[in-house]
Protein backbone atom coordinates (compact mmCIF):
# COMPACT_ATOMS: atom_id res chain seq x y z
CA MET A 1 102.29 37.43 75.54
CA LYS A 2 100.78 39.50 78.25
CA PHE A 3 100.02 43.16 78.23
CA ILE A 4 100.05 44.99 81.48
CA LYS A 5 98.60 48.10 82.47
CA THR A 6 100.39 50.36 85.08
CA ASP A 7 98.39 52.68 87.72
CA THR A 8 98.69 56.02 86.86
CA ASP A 9 97.86 56.95 90.60
CA VAL A 10 100.48 54.98 92.51
CA ASN A 11 101.33 55.96 95.99
CA LEU A 12 105.38 55.17 95.91
CA PHE A 13 105.50 51.93 94.24
CA GLU A 14 103.77 48.98 92.38
CA ASN A 15 105.39 45.73 91.90
CA ILE A 16 104.10 45.17 88.07
CA ILE A 17 105.81 41.74 87.74
CA GLU A 18 107.23 39.39 90.39
CA THR A 19 108.93 36.07 89.78
CA GLU A 20 111.81 34.01 90.98
CA SER A 21 113.96 35.73 88.43
CA GLN A 22 112.55 39.02 87.85
CA VAL A 23 110.66 42.10 89.44
CA VAL A 24 109.64 44.95 87.61
CA THR A 25 108.73 47.97 89.70
CA HIS A 26 107.05 51.18 88.95
CA LEU A 27 108.36 53.82 91.25
CA VAL A 28 106.95 57.04 91.94
CA ILE A 29 108.78 59.78 94.04
CA PRO A 30 107.27 63.28 94.55
CA ALA A 31 109.64 66.15 94.03
CA GLY A 32 111.95 66.81 97.06
CA LYS A 33 111.47 63.32 98.30
CA ASN A 34 114.15 60.96 98.46
CA VAL A 35 114.95 56.94 98.29
CA PRO A 36 117.56 56.36 100.58
CA GLU A 37 120.86 54.59 99.88
CA HIS A 38 120.18 50.89 99.35
CA PHE A 39 121.45 48.07 97.31
CA VAL A 40 119.62 44.45 95.68
CA ASP A 41 120.98 41.21 95.07
CA TYR A 42 120.11 41.73 91.31
CA ASP A 43 121.19 43.17 88.16
CA VAL A 44 119.03 46.07 87.64
CA ILE A 45 118.04 48.38 85.01
CA VAL A 46 116.22 51.74 85.78
CA VAL A 47 114.19 53.58 82.99
CA SER A 48 113.50 57.20 83.87
CA ILE A 49 109.92 58.03 82.43
CA LYS A 50 108.99 61.23 83.93
CA GLY A 51 110.56 64.07 85.75
CA LYS A 52 114.08 64.89 86.82
CA ALA A 53 115.90 62.89 89.75
CA ILE A 54 119.56 62.63 91.10
CA PHE A 55 120.62 59.22 90.82
CA GLY A 56 123.50 58.51 93.24
CA ASP A 57 126.29 56.09 92.93
CA VAL A 58 127.84 55.42 96.62
CA THR A 59 130.82 53.26 95.43
CA GLU A 60 132.04 55.99 92.85
CA LYS A 61 130.87 58.60 95.10
CA ARG A 62 129.20 60.47 91.91
CA GLU A 63 125.56 61.57 91.13
CA GLU A 64 123.99 62.10 87.93
CA VAL A 65 120.79 63.76 86.67
CA VAL A 66 118.52 61.69 85.07
CA VAL A 67 115.35 62.55 82.87
CA PRO A 68 112.91 60.79 80.50
CA GLY A 69 114.67 58.50 78.20
CA ASP A 70 117.88 57.82 80.32
CA ILE A 71 118.61 54.52 81.37
CA VAL A 72 120.74 53.60 84.54
CA GLN A 73 122.43 50.06 84.83
CA LEU A 74 123.58 48.65 88.16
CA HIS A 75 125.10 45.35 88.87
CA PRO A 76 124.31 43.03 92.28
CA ASN A 77 124.93 45.01 95.65
CA GLU A 78 125.80 48.18 94.11
CA HIS A 79 124.80 51.03 96.74
CA HIS A 80 122.50 53.86 95.24
CA TYR A 81 120.11 56.24 96.01
CA LEU A 82 117.57 58.54 94.46
CA LYS A 83 116.57 62.26 94.96
CA ALA A 84 113.47 63.75 93.08
CA ILE A 85 114.12 67.23 91.79
CA GLU A 86 110.51 67.11 90.13
CA ASP A 87 107.75 64.42 90.52
CA THR A 88 109.59 61.44 89.22
CA GLU A 89 108.57 58.17 87.70
CA VAL A 90 110.78 55.38 86.84
CA MET A 91 110.53 51.65 85.84
CA VAL A 92 112.81 49.31 87.63
CA ILE A 93 113.57 45.88 86.14
CA LYS A 94 115.24 43.61 88.74
CA SER A 95 116.85 40.27 87.07
CA LYS A 96 118.97 37.30 88.31
CA LEU A 97 121.09 37.03 85.49
CA LYS A 98 123.22 33.63 85.25
């Protein structure tokens, strides 16, 4: 078992765990800033831990507001983006599932 502490003063992001099959990223987005449309070749879970953001699903042309405790699940290659309404922090868990 391994216990990992995250940085409380992150400038945009820190990769906490990085292996061939998994990446865990602590993402910090200041209010008014955006993460532009992108996609990854992983199954992704996004867990909101602070603030309020708009999470956009490009394919379905839909936006949802996410707040602490909300979870977003994405399949590989789903185009998405984030817009921070408030200072926002999320944990992004990217996994190569078989």
